[in-house]
Protein backbone atom coordinates (compact mmCIF):
# COMPACT_ATOMS: atom_id res chain seq x y z
CA MET A 1 288.61 64.38 -98.03
CA GLN A 2 287.62 67.16 -95.52
CA ASN A 3 286.69 64.90 -92.94
CA TYR A 4 290.16 63.42 -93.04
CA GLN A 5 291.61 66.87 -92.69
CA LEU A 6 289.59 67.45 -89.59
CA GLY A 7 290.82 64.26 -88.14
CA ARG A 8 294.30 65.08 -88.88
CA ILE A 9 294.01 68.60 -87.47
CA GLN A 10 292.51 67.16 -84.25
CA LYS A 11 295.50 64.49 -83.89
CA GLN A 12 297.52 67.70 -84.29
CA ILE A 13 295.94 69.50 -81.48
CA LYS A 14 296.03 66.50 -79.28
CA GLY A 15 299.82 66.30 -79.75
CA ILE A 16 300.37 69.98 -78.80
CA LYS A 17 298.31 69.41 -75.53
CA LYS A 18 300.67 66.43 -74.49
CA GLU A 19 303.75 68.69 -75.30
CA LEU A 20 302.13 71.49 -73.01
CA GLN A 21 301.69 69.10 -70.26
CA LYS A 22 305.30 68.54 -70.38
CA ILE A 23 306.64 72.07 -69.87
CA GLY A 24 307.96 73.01 -66.72
CA GLU A 25 308.33 76.27 -64.90
CA MET A 26 308.52 79.35 -67.24
CA ARG A 27 308.72 82.90 -67.33
CA PRO A 28 309.08 85.52 -70.04
CA GLY A 29 311.93 87.54 -70.81
CA SER A 30 315.56 87.63 -72.03
CA LEU A 31 318.74 87.12 -70.27
CA SER A 32 321.68 89.02 -70.99
CA ARG A 33 325.29 89.20 -69.86
CA GLN A 34 326.59 92.85 -68.97
CA ASN A 35 329.90 93.95 -67.92
CA VAL A 36 330.85 96.77 -65.47
CA SER A 37 334.39 98.22 -65.48
CA GLN A 38 335.81 99.01 -62.39
CA ASN A 39 339.64 99.87 -61.51
CA GLY A 40 340.38 98.82 -65.22
CA LYS A 41 338.83 95.07 -64.73
CA LYS A 42 335.63 94.06 -66.23
CA TYR A 43 333.38 92.25 -63.79
CA PRO A 44 330.20 90.54 -65.33
CA TYR A 45 327.00 90.58 -64.23
CA TYR A 46 323.46 89.14 -65.55
CA GLN A 47 320.09 90.58 -66.12
CA ILE A 48 316.65 89.41 -67.10
CA SER A 49 314.47 91.91 -68.82
CA TYR A 50 310.76 91.14 -69.79
CA THR A 51 307.44 93.14 -70.19
CA TYR A 52 304.20 91.67 -67.82
CA ASN A 53 301.11 93.23 -67.65
CA MET A 54 302.15 95.94 -69.99
CA LYS A 55 304.89 97.01 -67.67
CA SER A 56 308.57 96.51 -68.60
CA ARG A 57 311.14 95.22 -65.81
CA THR A 58 314.80 94.60 -65.58
CA ASP A 59 316.01 92.47 -62.58
CA TYR A 60 319.63 91.53 -61.66
CA ILE A 61 320.44 88.01 -61.44
CA LYS A 62 323.36 86.03 -59.52
CA LYS A 63 325.27 84.07 -61.82
CA GLU A 64 324.09 80.88 -59.64
CA PHE A 65 320.74 81.62 -61.27
CA VAL A 66 321.33 81.89 -64.89
CA ALA A 67 320.95 78.28 -66.18
CA ASP A 68 317.42 77.88 -64.16
CA LEU A 69 316.19 81.05 -65.56
CA GLN A 70 317.46 80.53 -69.10
CA GLN A 71 315.50 77.05 -68.84
CA GLN A 72 312.33 78.92 -67.59
CA ILE A 73 312.60 81.56 -70.55
CA ASP A 74 313.21 78.81 -72.92
CA ASN A 75 310.10 76.82 -71.60
CA TYR A 76 307.97 80.23 -72.00
CA ARG A 77 308.92 80.35 -75.57
CA ARG A 78 308.26 76.88 -76.27
CA PHE A 79 304.69 77.21 -74.69
CA LYS A 80 303.99 80.52 -76.61
CA LYS A 81 305.03 78.74 -79.84
CA LEU A 82 302.77 75.43 -79.27
CA VAL A 83 299.79 77.75 -78.07
CA LYS A 84 300.17 79.85 -81.15
CA ARG A 85 300.16 76.38 -83.27
CA TRP A 86 297.08 75.18 -81.43
CA VAL A 87 295.21 78.55 -82.15
CA ASP A 88 296.43 78.30 -85.98
CA LEU A 89 294.97 74.64 -85.97
CA ALA A 90 291.92 75.62 -84.39
CA MET A 91 291.07 78.13 -86.83
CA ARG A 92 291.38 75.88 -89.66
CA HIS A 93 289.45 73.12 -88.03
CA SER A 94 286.41 75.62 -87.35
CA LYS A 95 286.46 76.81 -91.00
CA LEU A 96 286.46 73.31 -92.47
CA LYS A 97 283.69 72.45 -89.99
CA ILE A 98 281.84 75.27 -91.65
CA ASP A 99 282.70 74.44 -94.98
CA ILE A 100 281.62 70.77 -94.60
CA ALA A 101 278.28 71.90 -92.86
CA LEU A 102 277.43 74.39 -95.81
CA LYS A 103 278.00 71.53 -98.50
CA LYS A 104 275.38 69.57 -96.54
CA LEU A 105 272.94 72.28 -97.00
């Protein structure tokens, strides 16, 4: 039964690796739309906020780059989710291998 579980975990890890290869450009952060008022009119602008190497930053973004940046942010979130899943599976795999080895002793 445990050998079957090891195989299932290995198969899931292999699937995660394939998904990771499909991820394109990425960057951390969150994108938001802000408004500035001038002469009674509201003008929108966009900004990306992120932390990288323990430094927080905010950059202003032109409207024509918003869709591309949002895709990069989505890709980064997917990357982080997949890596977390991979680590969770790797830890289970390691524990199962140890359990199997101990039963053989």
